[in-house]
Protein backbone atom coordinates (compact mmCIF):
# COMPACT_ATOMS: atom_id res chain seq x y z
CA UNK A 1 -54.90 87.64 109.27
CA UNK A 2 -52.11 85.34 110.17
CA UNK A 3 -51.76 83.16 107.01
CA UNK A 4 -51.44 79.30 107.16
CA UNK A 5 -49.16 78.19 104.52
CA UNK A 6 -48.60 74.53 103.19
CA UNK A 7 -44.72 74.32 103.02
CA UNK A 8 -45.06 71.78 100.05
CA UNK A 9 -47.44 73.81 98.15
CA UNK A 10 -46.60 74.83 94.55
CA UNK A 11 -47.34 78.43 95.52
CA UNK A 12 -45.15 78.52 98.61
CA UNK A 13 -43.04 81.19 97.35
CA UNK A 14 -45.82 83.64 96.42
CA UNK A 15 -47.46 82.90 99.68
CA UNK A 16 -44.07 83.59 101.70
CA UNK A 17 -43.75 86.79 99.90
CA UNK A 18 -47.00 88.04 100.54
CA UNK A 19 -46.82 87.09 104.27
CA UNK A 20 -43.43 88.48 105.23
CA UNK A 21 -43.86 91.82 103.26
CA UNK A 22 -47.22 92.40 105.00
CA UNK A 23 -47.86 90.65 108.18
CA UNK A 24 -44.28 89.26 109.08
CA UNK A 25 -45.84 86.14 110.56
CA UNK A 26 -47.06 82.97 109.03
CA UNK A 27 -47.93 79.29 110.17
CA UNK A 28 -46.31 76.48 108.11
CA UNK A 29 -47.86 73.18 107.90
CA UNK A 30 -46.39 69.94 106.39
CA UNK A 31 -43.01 71.37 107.46
CA UNK A 32 -41.50 68.47 109.28
CA UNK A 33 -41.85 64.63 108.70
CA UNK A 34 -43.54 62.20 110.94
CA UNK A 35 -40.24 61.09 112.59
CA UNK A 36 -39.15 64.81 113.37
CA UNK A 37 -42.55 65.39 114.88
CA UNK A 38 -42.41 62.44 117.14
CA UNK A 39 -38.88 63.53 118.13
CA UNK A 40 -40.06 66.82 118.97
CA UNK A 41 -42.96 65.47 121.18
CA UNK A 42 -40.60 63.32 122.91
CA UNK A 43 -38.49 66.34 123.75
CA UNK A 44 -41.45 68.49 124.92
CA UNK A 45 -42.16 65.84 127.44
CA UNK A 46 -38.82 65.93 128.86
CA UNK A 47 -38.87 69.73 128.86
CA UNK A 48 -42.25 69.64 130.99
CA UNK A 49 -40.18 67.19 133.28
CA UNK A 50 -37.61 69.70 133.89
CA UNK A 51 -39.99 72.53 134.66
CA UNK A 52 -41.70 70.37 137.20
CA UNK A 53 -38.53 70.21 139.13
CA UNK A 54 -37.94 71.88 142.56
CA UNK A 55 -36.97 75.52 142.18
CA UNK A 56 -33.76 75.04 143.97
CA UNK A 57 -32.67 72.42 141.44
CA UNK A 58 -33.59 74.56 138.44
CA UNK A 59 -31.62 77.50 139.69
CA UNK A 60 -28.38 75.22 139.62
CA UNK A 61 -28.64 76.02 135.80
CA UNK A 62 -28.90 79.83 136.01
CA UNK A 63 -28.86 81.78 132.92
CA UNK A 64 -25.50 83.22 131.76
CA UNK A 65 -25.67 86.55 130.27
CA UNK A 66 -22.33 86.11 128.25
CA UNK A 67 -23.68 83.22 126.10
CA UNK A 68 -27.27 83.60 126.49
CA UNK A 69 -27.94 80.27 127.73
CA UNK A 70 -29.38 78.51 130.80
CA UNK A 71 -32.44 78.64 133.14
CA UNK A 72 -34.23 82.00 133.74
CA UNK A 73 -36.89 82.19 136.72
CA UNK A 74 -40.32 83.93 136.34
CA UNK A 75 -39.83 87.64 136.08
CA UNK A 76 -36.16 87.34 135.13
CA UNK A 77 -36.73 88.88 131.68
CA UNK A 78 -38.45 91.91 130.40
CA UNK A 79 -38.68 92.05 126.41
CA UNK A 80 -40.55 95.35 126.69
CA UNK A 81 -38.76 97.65 129.40
CA UNK A 82 -41.85 99.73 129.68
CA UNK A 83 -44.02 96.94 130.50
CA UNK A 84 -44.02 94.51 133.87
CA UNK A 85 -41.60 91.62 134.00
CA UNK A 86 -42.48 88.71 131.69
CA UNK A 87 -44.74 86.04 133.56
CA UNK A 88 -42.71 82.84 132.44
CA UNK A 89 -39.64 80.59 133.20
CA UNK A 90 -37.46 79.51 130.48
CA UNK A 91 -34.52 77.35 129.61
CA UNK A 92 -32.10 78.35 126.73
CA UNK A 93 -29.94 75.67 125.12
CA UNK A 94 -27.45 75.24 122.02
CA UNK A 95 -25.60 72.62 120.45
CA UNK A 96 -22.22 74.22 119.93
CA UNK A 97 -21.72 76.75 122.85
CA UNK A 98 -23.45 75.14 125.76
CA UNK A 99 -21.29 74.74 129.00
CA UNK A 100 -21.62 71.36 130.23
CA UNK A 101 -22.66 72.70 133.61
CA UNK A 102 -25.81 74.17 132.25
CA UNK A 103 -27.11 70.83 131.00
CA UNK A 104 -29.68 69.47 133.71
CA UNK A 105 -28.81 66.00 135.15
CA UNK A 106 -31.23 63.43 136.72
CA UNK A 107 -33.72 63.42 133.66
CA UNK A 108 -32.85 60.33 131.24
CA UNK A 109 -32.14 61.39 127.70
CA UNK A 110 -32.39 65.03 128.38
CA UNK A 111 -29.40 66.41 126.72
CA UNK A 112 -29.54 64.03 123.62
CA UNK A 113 -33.13 64.73 122.96
CA UNK A 114 -32.78 68.37 123.36
CA UNK A 115 -29.76 68.26 120.88
CA UNK A 116 -32.01 66.44 118.49
CA UNK A 117 -34.66 69.20 118.70
CA UNK A 118 -32.00 71.71 117.48
CA UNK A 119 -31.06 69.61 114.71
CA UNK A 120 -34.64 69.42 113.48
CA UNK A 121 -34.98 73.26 113.83
CA UNK A 122 -31.78 74.13 112.27
CA UNK A 123 -32.61 71.92 109.20
CA UNK A 124 -36.09 73.56 108.77
CA UNK A 125 -34.52 77.00 109.22
CA UNK A 126 -32.02 76.44 106.25
CA UNK A 127 -35.18 75.19 104.18
CA UNK A 128 -36.90 78.59 105.03
CA UNK A 129 -33.86 80.57 104.30
CA UNK A 130 -33.43 78.98 100.89
CA UNK A 131 -36.87 80.00 99.93
CA UNK A 132 -36.16 83.58 101.14
CA UNK A 133 -33.11 83.49 98.98
CA UNK A 134 -35.10 82.75 95.82
CA UNK A 135 -37.63 85.45 96.57
CA UNK A 136 -34.91 88.18 97.31
CA UNK A 137 -32.69 87.05 94.50
CA UNK A 138 -29.90 89.54 95.72
CA UNK A 139 -26.76 87.60 94.68
CA UNK A 140 -25.84 87.24 98.60
CA UNK A 141 -27.46 84.23 100.28
CA UNK A 142 -28.90 84.03 103.69
CA UNK A 143 -28.02 80.42 103.66
CA UNK A 144 -24.37 81.09 103.44
CA UNK A 145 -24.44 83.65 106.29
CA UNK A 146 -25.86 80.94 108.49
CA UNK A 147 -23.47 78.12 108.03
CA UNK A 148 -22.16 78.41 111.64
CA UNK A 149 -25.28 80.23 113.16
CA UNK A 150 -25.25 81.89 116.49
CA UNK A 151 -28.78 80.18 117.19
CA UNK A 152 -30.49 79.72 120.49
CA UNK A 153 -33.35 77.51 121.30
CA UNK A 154 -35.71 78.14 124.25
CA UNK A 155 -38.43 76.26 125.90
CA UNK A 156 -40.77 78.32 127.84
CA UNK A 157 -43.33 77.53 130.80
CA UNK A 158 -46.06 80.18 131.44
CA UNK A 159 -47.31 79.10 134.88
CA UNK A 160 -51.06 78.98 135.52
CA UNK A 161 -52.28 82.01 137.54
CA UNK A 162 -55.28 83.37 139.41
CA UNK A 163 -58.16 84.57 137.39
CA UNK A 164 -57.43 88.02 138.89
CA UNK A 165 -54.35 88.13 136.68
CA UNK A 166 -56.22 87.68 133.53
CA UNK A 167 -55.84 91.16 132.10
CA UNK A 168 -52.01 90.89 132.64
CA UNK A 169 -49.70 89.90 129.78
CA UNK A 170 -47.57 86.86 130.00
CA UNK A 171 -45.03 88.49 127.56
CA UNK A 172 -45.30 92.26 126.68
CA UNK A 173 -45.36 93.51 123.15
CA UNK A 174 -41.96 93.09 121.42
CA UNK A 175 -40.21 92.19 118.12
CA UNK A 176 -37.68 89.33 118.01
CA UNK A 177 -34.12 90.46 117.51
CA UNK A 178 -32.50 88.17 114.84
CA UNK A 179 -33.13 86.87 111.57
CA UNK A 180 -36.32 84.69 112.01
CA UNK A 181 -37.76 82.87 114.94
CA UNK A 182 -39.25 79.26 114.52
CA UNK A 183 -41.87 78.73 117.14
CA UNK A 184 -43.72 75.52 118.33
CA UNK A 185 -46.95 75.86 120.28
CA UNK A 186 -46.70 72.88 122.39
CA UNK A 187 -50.00 72.44 124.31
CA UNK A 188 -52.18 74.59 122.18
CA UNK A 189 -53.27 77.23 124.93
CA UNK A 190 -54.07 80.49 123.35
CA UNK A 191 -52.40 83.68 123.79
CA UNK A 192 -49.93 84.58 121.06
CA UNK A 193 -51.06 87.82 119.30
CA UNK A 194 -49.61 89.95 116.46
CA UNK A 195 -50.24 93.66 115.97
CA UNK A 196 -51.07 94.85 112.55
CA UNK A 197 -50.00 98.31 110.86
CA UNK A 198 -53.33 99.85 112.29
CA UNK A 199 -52.45 98.91 115.93
CA UNK A 200 -55.18 96.00 116.21
CA UNK A 201 -54.14 92.59 117.62
CA UNK A 202 -54.93 89.32 115.92
CA UNK A 203 -54.67 85.79 117.40
CA UNK A 204 -51.93 83.34 115.79
CA UNK A 205 -54.03 80.21 115.06
CA UNK A 206 -53.01 77.03 116.57
CA UNK A 207 -52.39 74.12 113.95
CA UNK A 208 -51.47 70.87 115.60
CA UNK A 209 -48.60 70.11 113.24
CA UNK A 210 -47.95 73.75 112.54
CA UNK A 211 -44.70 75.85 113.01
CA UNK A 212 -45.09 79.57 113.48
CA UNK A 213 -42.29 81.62 111.74
CA UNK A 214 -41.90 85.29 112.17
CA UNK A 215 -39.26 87.93 110.69
CA UNK A 216 -36.84 89.26 113.29
CA UNK A 217 -35.57 92.93 113.38
CA UNK A 218 -32.18 91.83 111.92
CA UNK A 219 -33.68 90.50 108.76
CA UNK A 220 -36.06 93.55 108.31
CA UNK A 221 -32.89 95.74 108.59
CA UNK A 222 -31.07 93.42 106.15
CA UNK A 223 -33.61 93.49 103.54
CA UNK A 224 -34.08 97.29 103.81
CA UNK A 225 -37.61 96.96 105.38
CA UNK A 226 -38.93 94.60 102.70
CA UNK A 227 -39.63 91.89 105.07
CA UNK A 228 -41.35 93.15 108.17
CA UNK A 229 -40.47 92.32 111.69
CA UNK A 230 -43.88 92.75 113.70
CA UNK A 231 -44.75 93.34 117.35
CA UNK A 232 -46.27 90.58 119.14
CA UNK A 233 -47.30 89.43 122.78
CA UNK A 234 -48.66 86.74 124.84
CA UNK A 235 -51.88 87.51 126.53
CA UNK A 236 -53.01 85.85 129.79
CA UNK A 237 -56.82 85.11 128.92
CA UNK A 238 -56.34 81.47 129.74
CA UNK A 239 -54.17 82.14 132.71
CA UNK A 240 -55.80 79.26 134.69
CA UNK A 241 -54.02 76.94 132.25
CA UNK A 242 -50.26 76.69 131.87
CA UNK A 243 -48.76 77.20 128.55
CA UNK A 244 -45.79 75.77 126.99
CA UNK A 245 -43.78 76.86 123.82
CA UNK A 246 -40.55 76.54 121.96
CA UNK A 247 -38.89 79.21 119.97
CA UNK A 248 -35.87 78.58 117.91
CA UNK A 249 -34.12 82.00 117.53
CA UNK A 250 -32.00 82.29 114.40
CA UNK A 251 -28.94 84.55 114.17
CA UNK A 252 -26.27 84.67 111.62
CA UNK A 253 -22.61 83.32 111.79
CA UNK A 254 -20.90 85.75 114.18
CA UNK A 255 -18.80 88.25 112.11
CA UNK A 256 -21.53 88.63 109.65
CA UNK A 257 -21.90 92.24 108.46
CA UNK A 258 -25.64 92.91 108.00
CA UNK A 259 -26.20 95.32 105.23
CA UNK A 260 -28.75 96.24 102.69
CA UNK A 261 -29.23 93.09 100.26
CA UNK A 262 -31.61 95.06 97.80
CA UNK A 263 -30.52 97.54 95.17
CA UNK A 264 -32.00 100.64 96.54
CA UNK A 265 -31.09 103.36 98.84
CA UNK A 266 -30.05 102.20 102.40
CA UNK A 267 -32.36 102.57 105.23
CA UNK A 268 -29.74 101.51 107.87
CA UNK A 269 -26.10 101.46 108.50
CA UNK A 270 -24.17 98.16 108.25
CA UNK A 271 -23.87 96.36 111.61
CA UNK A 272 -22.02 93.22 112.87
CA UNK A 273 -24.74 90.50 113.78
CA UNK A 274 -23.56 89.38 117.05
CA UNK A 275 -22.85 92.85 118.22
CA UNK A 276 -26.38 93.89 117.50
CA UNK A 277 -27.88 90.62 119.27
CA UNK A 278 -25.75 91.23 122.56
CA UNK A 279 -26.84 94.92 122.53
CA UNK A 280 -30.57 93.92 122.10
CA UNK A 281 -30.26 91.09 124.90
CA UNK A 282 -28.48 93.71 127.33
CA UNK A 283 -31.79 95.76 127.10
CA UNK A 284 -34.05 92.60 128.13
CA UNK A 285 -31.96 91.26 130.88
CA UNK A 286 -30.33 94.51 132.05
């Protein structure tokens, strides 16, 4: 159900087109070089060190709504307003708008290694958008619209829970808000599922060097529903094991007007990208 695509394959454009006009999700392999993979692993170790800090210490870096950055306690976010609060804690960070007081201290190399993880994710993002531009051939490039993006990177810890909570969701069903999301499944604990057009749920396969990439609502809007933004969730079947992941949420340069890239009747009215993002975030944290 969820395709696994070799990023270096000669047929990668055809495979991307098929994946994102149907499922909206894919797992890319061979997308990072060995050095980038090693740098990511170094960051994930420091990220887990952060989540092991005392709660009082983590609370010093509390989430700031106005810039979508900082630490959120378990239950602070609710991506599906009709479902229970999300069973996770998280830390949002960025390389251009992060207030200095939100960077944790006391963990050697934390900030520098975090910034390196953003650089790696940003470089891969542009490579993916370049391929989307080739597929869409619209004359307006997604790469140009993300020269100074409003991206946010997040590290997530889903704490271990009692077996009595196995039927709960760690994150309720939702779609992502922006252009695309790159997701690294850090410790391989199952749980991420994607809903198909028939309402059935499918597990996203874990690939040790893989990067999960899915379409966000903004890109579906931008492509007039050509690329599909798909609902997904994180289940709790392995609730006795903590789960860690790192999504990189990609949004255009603020001020970008998102309007139909395709030569066909519009399904949506034009909208400014950051205005749309902040509206969606207000629903999750409101």
